[in-house]
Amino acid sequence: MSSNIETIVLHRAKILLQCEEHWTLGAWARDENGRPCDPLSSSARRWCAWGPLQRCAYDLVGNKQAARKIANTISTSLVPAAGGLPFINERGGYALVQTELETGGPP
């Protein structure tokens, strides 16, 4: 990661997805009933690989557009291929998402 804020966001996102119960697929985030919701929603309880990047960035900067930009920058850095991090989330599963967030680079 090139910027300190990106490093902090990635670290916090890893903590947010530390247990598989906080991970999901098929939506950026889900509430306690499993319904899709915005990753920034206070009702979000589970996130895909990209969702916690936006959530953690927003918690630091307090601006949705800036948070989305930070999340996109990190996501592209982690998986610079077509489909990117969302593809890893949907096709690779939780274990690969964890590996990706932990190593901080392409699989």
N, C-alpha and C. Protein backbone atom coordinates (compact mmCIF):
# COMPACT_ATOMS: atom_id res chain seq x y z
N MET A 1 0.84 -1.17 0.00
CA MET A 1 0.00 0.00 0.00
C MET A 1 0.89 1.24 0.00
N SER A 2 0.44 2.23 -0.71
CA SER A 2 1.26 3.42 -0.86
C SER A 2 0.99 4.48 0.20
N SER A 3 -0.17 4.49 0.78
CA SER A 3 -0.53 5.56 1.70
C SER A 3 -0.83 4.99 3.08
N ASN A 4 -0.55 5.79 4.09
CA ASN A 4 -0.82 5.34 5.45
C ASN A 4 -2.29 5.04 5.68
N ILE A 5 -3.17 5.87 5.13
CA ILE A 5 -4.60 5.63 5.34
C ILE A 5 -5.03 4.30 4.71
N GLU A 6 -4.47 3.98 3.56
CA GLU A 6 -4.79 2.70 2.91
C GLU A 6 -4.32 1.53 3.77
N THR A 7 -3.17 1.65 4.37
CA THR A 7 -2.64 0.61 5.24
C THR A 7 -3.53 0.43 6.46
N ILE A 8 -3.95 1.53 7.05
CA ILE A 8 -4.83 1.48 8.23
C ILE A 8 -6.17 0.86 7.85
N VAL A 9 -6.74 1.28 6.73
CA VAL A 9 -8.03 0.74 6.29
C VAL A 9 -7.93 -0.76 6.05
N LEU A 10 -6.90 -1.21 5.36
CA LEU A 10 -6.72 -2.64 5.10
C LEU A 10 -6.60 -3.41 6.41
N HIS A 11 -5.83 -2.89 7.35
CA HIS A 11 -5.67 -3.56 8.65
C HIS A 11 -7.00 -3.67 9.38
N ARG A 12 -7.78 -2.59 9.39
CA ARG A 12 -9.07 -2.62 10.08
C ARG A 12 -10.07 -3.54 9.36
N ALA A 13 -10.01 -3.58 8.04
CA ALA A 13 -10.90 -4.47 7.27
C ALA A 13 -10.58 -5.93 7.60
N LYS A 14 -9.30 -6.25 7.73
CA LYS A 14 -8.91 -7.62 8.10
C LYS A 14 -9.50 -8.00 9.45
N ILE A 15 -9.47 -7.07 10.39
CA ILE A 15 -10.03 -7.33 11.72
C ILE A 15 -11.54 -7.53 11.63
N LEU A 16 -12.21 -6.69 10.82
CA LEU A 16 -13.66 -6.80 10.67
C LEU A 16 -14.07 -8.16 10.10
N LEU A 17 -13.25 -8.70 9.22
CA LEU A 17 -13.55 -10.01 8.61
C LEU A 17 -12.79 -11.16 9.26
N GLN A 18 -12.35 -10.94 10.48
CA GLN A 18 -11.54 -11.94 11.16
C GLN A 18 -12.26 -13.28 11.33
N CYS A 19 -13.57 -13.25 11.53
CA CYS A 19 -14.31 -14.52 11.61
C CYS A 19 -15.26 -14.64 10.43
N GLU A 20 -15.42 -15.85 9.99
CA GLU A 20 -16.23 -16.14 8.81
C GLU A 20 -17.68 -15.69 8.98
N GLU A 21 -18.16 -15.61 10.21
CA GLU A 21 -19.53 -15.18 10.46
C GLU A 21 -19.76 -13.72 10.03
N HIS A 22 -18.68 -12.96 9.86
CA HIS A 22 -18.79 -11.56 9.44
C HIS A 22 -18.61 -11.39 7.93
N TRP A 23 -18.46 -12.50 7.21
CA TRP A 23 -18.23 -12.47 5.77
C TRP A 23 -19.50 -12.90 5.03
N THR A 24 -19.67 -12.39 3.81
CA THR A 24 -20.79 -12.81 2.98
C THR A 24 -20.38 -12.79 1.52
N LEU A 25 -21.24 -13.31 0.69
CA LEU A 25 -21.07 -13.18 -0.75
C LEU A 25 -22.42 -12.82 -1.35
N GLY A 26 -22.41 -12.34 -2.58
CA GLY A 26 -23.64 -11.97 -3.26
C GLY A 26 -24.19 -10.61 -2.91
N ALA A 27 -23.52 -9.87 -2.03
CA ALA A 27 -23.94 -8.52 -1.65
C ALA A 27 -22.75 -7.83 -1.01
N TRP A 28 -22.72 -6.50 -1.07
CA TRP A 28 -21.62 -5.75 -0.44
C TRP A 28 -21.66 -5.95 1.07
N ALA A 29 -22.90 -6.05 1.61
CA ALA A 29 -23.07 -6.27 3.05
C ALA A 29 -24.47 -6.85 3.29
N ARG A 30 -24.65 -7.42 4.48
CA ARG A 30 -25.95 -7.98 4.87
C ARG A 30 -26.24 -7.60 6.32
N ASP A 31 -27.52 -7.46 6.62
CA ASP A 31 -27.92 -7.17 8.00
C ASP A 31 -28.03 -8.46 8.79
N GLU A 32 -28.49 -8.36 10.03
CA GLU A 32 -28.55 -9.55 10.90
C GLU A 32 -29.53 -10.61 10.41
N ASN A 33 -30.46 -10.22 9.51
CA ASN A 33 -31.40 -11.18 8.94
C ASN A 33 -30.95 -11.71 7.59
N GLY A 34 -29.75 -11.33 7.16
CA GLY A 34 -29.22 -11.81 5.90
C GLY A 34 -29.66 -11.01 4.69
N ARG A 35 -30.36 -9.90 4.91
CA ARG A 35 -30.81 -9.07 3.79
C ARG A 35 -29.68 -8.14 3.35
N PRO A 36 -29.52 -7.96 2.02
CA PRO A 36 -28.50 -7.04 1.53
C PRO A 36 -28.73 -5.63 2.07
N CYS A 37 -27.63 -4.95 2.38
CA CYS A 37 -27.70 -3.57 2.84
C CYS A 37 -26.42 -2.85 2.43
N ASP A 38 -26.40 -1.57 2.62
CA ASP A 38 -25.22 -0.75 2.33
C ASP A 38 -24.11 -1.11 3.32
N PRO A 39 -22.85 -1.21 2.85
CA PRO A 39 -21.77 -1.55 3.78
C PRO A 39 -21.56 -0.51 4.87
N LEU A 40 -22.08 0.71 4.66
CA LEU A 40 -21.94 1.75 5.67
C LEU A 40 -23.10 1.78 6.64
N SER A 41 -24.11 0.98 6.40
CA SER A 41 -25.30 0.95 7.25
C SER A 41 -24.95 0.48 8.66
N SER A 42 -25.59 1.09 9.64
CA SER A 42 -25.37 0.65 11.02
C SER A 42 -25.94 -0.74 11.26
N SER A 43 -26.82 -1.20 10.36
CA SER A 43 -27.38 -2.55 10.50
C SER A 43 -26.53 -3.63 9.82
N ALA A 44 -25.48 -3.24 9.11
CA ALA A 44 -24.60 -4.22 8.46
C ALA A 44 -23.89 -5.07 9.51
N ARG A 45 -23.94 -6.37 9.32
CA ARG A 45 -23.29 -7.31 10.24
C ARG A 45 -22.31 -8.24 9.53
N ARG A 46 -22.47 -8.38 8.21
CA ARG A 46 -21.58 -9.23 7.40
C ARG A 46 -21.23 -8.46 6.14
N TRP A 47 -19.99 -8.64 5.67
CA TRP A 47 -19.51 -7.91 4.51
C TRP A 47 -18.79 -8.84 3.55
N CYS A 48 -18.82 -8.48 2.26
CA CYS A 48 -17.98 -9.16 1.28
C CYS A 48 -16.56 -8.60 1.46
N ALA A 49 -15.64 -9.00 0.63
CA ALA A 49 -14.25 -8.54 0.76
C ALA A 49 -14.12 -7.04 0.57
N TRP A 50 -14.94 -6.44 -0.30
CA TRP A 50 -14.83 -5.01 -0.58
C TRP A 50 -15.56 -4.16 0.45
N GLY A 51 -16.66 -4.66 0.99
CA GLY A 51 -17.49 -3.90 1.92
C GLY A 51 -16.75 -3.33 3.12
N PRO A 52 -15.93 -4.13 3.82
CA PRO A 52 -15.24 -3.57 4.98
C PRO A 52 -14.19 -2.53 4.62
N LEU A 53 -13.68 -2.59 3.39
CA LEU A 53 -12.74 -1.55 2.97
C LEU A 53 -13.44 -0.20 2.96
N GLN A 54 -14.65 -0.17 2.38
CA GLN A 54 -15.40 1.08 2.35
C GLN A 54 -15.83 1.48 3.77
N ARG A 55 -16.30 0.53 4.53
CA ARG A 55 -16.76 0.82 5.90
C ARG A 55 -15.63 1.39 6.75
N CYS A 56 -14.47 0.75 6.72
CA CYS A 56 -13.34 1.20 7.53
C CYS A 56 -12.79 2.54 7.04
N ALA A 57 -12.80 2.75 5.73
CA ALA A 57 -12.36 4.04 5.19
C ALA A 57 -13.32 5.14 5.63
N TYR A 58 -14.61 4.85 5.56
CA TYR A 58 -15.61 5.84 5.96
C TYR A 58 -15.45 6.18 7.45
N ASP A 59 -15.19 5.20 8.27
CA ASP A 59 -15.00 5.44 9.70
C ASP A 59 -13.83 6.40 9.94
N LEU A 60 -12.84 6.39 9.06
CA LEU A 60 -11.69 7.29 9.21
C LEU A 60 -11.91 8.67 8.60
N VAL A 61 -12.54 8.72 7.42
CA VAL A 61 -12.64 10.00 6.71
C VAL A 61 -14.01 10.65 6.78
N GLY A 62 -15.05 9.89 7.07
CA GLY A 62 -16.39 10.44 7.22
C GLY A 62 -17.04 10.96 5.96
N ASN A 63 -16.56 10.53 4.80
CA ASN A 63 -17.11 10.99 3.53
C ASN A 63 -17.29 9.77 2.62
N LYS A 64 -18.53 9.58 2.13
CA LYS A 64 -18.82 8.38 1.33
C LYS A 64 -18.00 8.30 0.06
N GLN A 65 -17.90 9.40 -0.67
CA GLN A 65 -17.14 9.38 -1.93
C GLN A 65 -15.67 9.10 -1.69
N ALA A 66 -15.10 9.74 -0.69
CA ALA A 66 -13.68 9.53 -0.38
C ALA A 66 -13.46 8.09 0.08
N ALA A 67 -14.39 7.57 0.88
CA ALA A 67 -14.27 6.19 1.36
C ALA A 67 -14.33 5.21 0.20
N ARG A 68 -15.23 5.45 -0.75
CA ARG A 68 -15.34 4.58 -1.93
C ARG A 68 -14.06 4.62 -2.75
N LYS A 69 -13.49 5.80 -2.88
CA LYS A 69 -12.24 5.95 -3.65
C LYS A 69 -11.09 5.19 -2.97
N ILE A 70 -11.00 5.32 -1.66
CA ILE A 70 -9.96 4.60 -0.92
C ILE A 70 -10.16 3.09 -1.06
N ALA A 71 -11.40 2.64 -0.90
CA ALA A 71 -11.69 1.21 -1.03
C ALA A 71 -11.34 0.70 -2.42
N ASN A 72 -11.67 1.47 -3.44
CA ASN A 72 -11.35 1.08 -4.82
C ASN A 72 -9.84 1.02 -5.04
N THR A 73 -9.11 1.98 -4.49
CA THR A 73 -7.66 1.99 -4.64
C THR A 73 -7.04 0.75 -4.00
N ILE A 74 -7.49 0.42 -2.80
CA ILE A 74 -6.98 -0.77 -2.12
C ILE A 74 -7.36 -2.03 -2.88
N SER A 75 -8.61 -2.11 -3.29
CA SER A 75 -9.10 -3.28 -4.03
C SER A 75 -8.29 -3.52 -5.30
N THR A 76 -8.05 -2.45 -6.05
CA THR A 76 -7.28 -2.55 -7.29
C THR A 76 -5.84 -2.94 -7.01
N SER A 77 -5.30 -2.45 -5.92
CA SER A 77 -3.92 -2.81 -5.54
C SER A 77 -3.83 -4.28 -5.16
N LEU A 78 -4.86 -4.78 -4.45
CA LEU A 78 -4.86 -6.18 -4.03
C LEU A 78 -5.02 -7.13 -5.21
N VAL A 79 -5.96 -6.80 -6.11
CA VAL A 79 -6.25 -7.67 -7.25
C VAL A 79 -6.37 -6.81 -8.51
N PRO A 80 -5.25 -6.59 -9.20
CA PRO A 80 -5.27 -5.71 -10.37
C PRO A 80 -5.79 -6.38 -11.65
N ALA A 81 -6.48 -7.48 -11.52
CA ALA A 81 -6.99 -8.21 -12.68
C ALA A 81 -8.48 -7.92 -12.90
N ALA A 82 -8.98 -8.32 -14.06
CA ALA A 82 -10.40 -8.16 -14.37
C ALA A 82 -11.24 -8.85 -13.30
N GLY A 83 -12.30 -8.18 -12.88
CA GLY A 83 -13.16 -8.72 -11.83
C GLY A 83 -12.69 -8.35 -10.44
N GLY A 84 -11.39 -8.24 -10.28
CA GLY A 84 -10.78 -7.77 -9.05
C GLY A 84 -11.19 -8.51 -7.78
N LEU A 85 -11.17 -7.77 -6.71
CA LEU A 85 -11.47 -8.32 -5.39
C LEU A 85 -12.88 -8.90 -5.30
N PRO A 86 -13.90 -8.27 -5.91
CA PRO A 86 -15.24 -8.89 -5.87
C PRO A 86 -15.25 -10.30 -6.49
N PHE A 87 -14.49 -10.52 -7.56
CA PHE A 87 -14.41 -11.84 -8.18
C PHE A 87 -13.80 -12.85 -7.21
N ILE A 88 -12.73 -12.44 -6.53
CA ILE A 88 -12.08 -13.30 -5.53
C ILE A 88 -13.10 -13.67 -4.45
N ASN A 89 -13.87 -12.67 -4.01
CA ASN A 89 -14.87 -12.91 -2.97
C ASN A 89 -15.90 -13.93 -3.42
N GLU A 90 -16.44 -13.73 -4.61
CA GLU A 90 -17.54 -14.58 -5.09
C GLU A 90 -17.08 -15.96 -5.53
N ARG A 91 -15.90 -16.09 -6.08
CA ARG A 91 -15.45 -17.38 -6.61
C ARG A 91 -14.44 -18.10 -5.73
N GLY A 92 -13.72 -17.34 -4.91
CA GLY A 92 -12.66 -17.96 -4.11
C GLY A 92 -13.07 -18.36 -2.72
N GLY A 93 -14.09 -17.70 -2.18
CA GLY A 93 -14.55 -18.01 -0.84
C GLY A 93 -13.78 -17.31 0.25
N TYR A 94 -14.21 -17.57 1.45
CA TYR A 94 -13.68 -16.88 2.63
C TYR A 94 -12.17 -17.08 2.81
N ALA A 95 -11.70 -18.29 2.65
CA ALA A 95 -10.28 -18.57 2.87
C ALA A 95 -9.40 -17.76 1.92
N LEU A 96 -9.79 -17.66 0.67
CA LEU A 96 -9.00 -16.88 -0.29
C LEU A 96 -9.09 -15.39 0.02
N VAL A 97 -10.24 -14.92 0.44
CA VAL A 97 -10.39 -13.51 0.84
C VAL A 97 -9.43 -13.22 2.00
N GLN A 98 -9.40 -14.10 2.99
CA GLN A 98 -8.50 -13.91 4.12
C GLN A 98 -7.04 -13.87 3.67
N THR A 99 -6.67 -14.78 2.79
CA THR A 99 -5.30 -14.80 2.27
C THR A 99 -4.98 -13.50 1.55
N GLU A 100 -5.92 -13.05 0.75
CA GLU A 100 -5.75 -11.82 -0.02
C GLU A 100 -5.56 -10.61 0.89
N LEU A 101 -6.39 -10.49 1.89
CA LEU A 101 -6.28 -9.36 2.82
C LEU A 101 -5.01 -9.46 3.66
N GLU A 102 -4.63 -10.67 4.00
CA GLU A 102 -3.44 -10.86 4.82
C GLU A 102 -2.14 -10.55 4.06
N THR A 103 -2.05 -11.03 2.82
CA THR A 103 -0.82 -10.83 2.05
C THR A 103 -0.74 -9.45 1.43
N GLY A 104 -1.90 -8.82 1.20
CA GLY A 104 -1.91 -7.47 0.65
C GLY A 104 -1.45 -7.39 -0.77
N GLY A 105 -1.64 -8.44 -1.56
CA GLY A 105 -1.24 -8.43 -2.94
C GLY A 105 -1.97 -9.47 -3.75
N PRO A 106 -1.73 -9.50 -5.04
CA PRO A 106 -2.43 -10.45 -5.93
C PRO A 106 -2.20 -11.90 -5.51
N PRO A 107 -3.23 -12.74 -5.71
CA PRO A 107 -3.09 -14.17 -5.36
C PRO A 107 -2.13 -14.88 -6.29
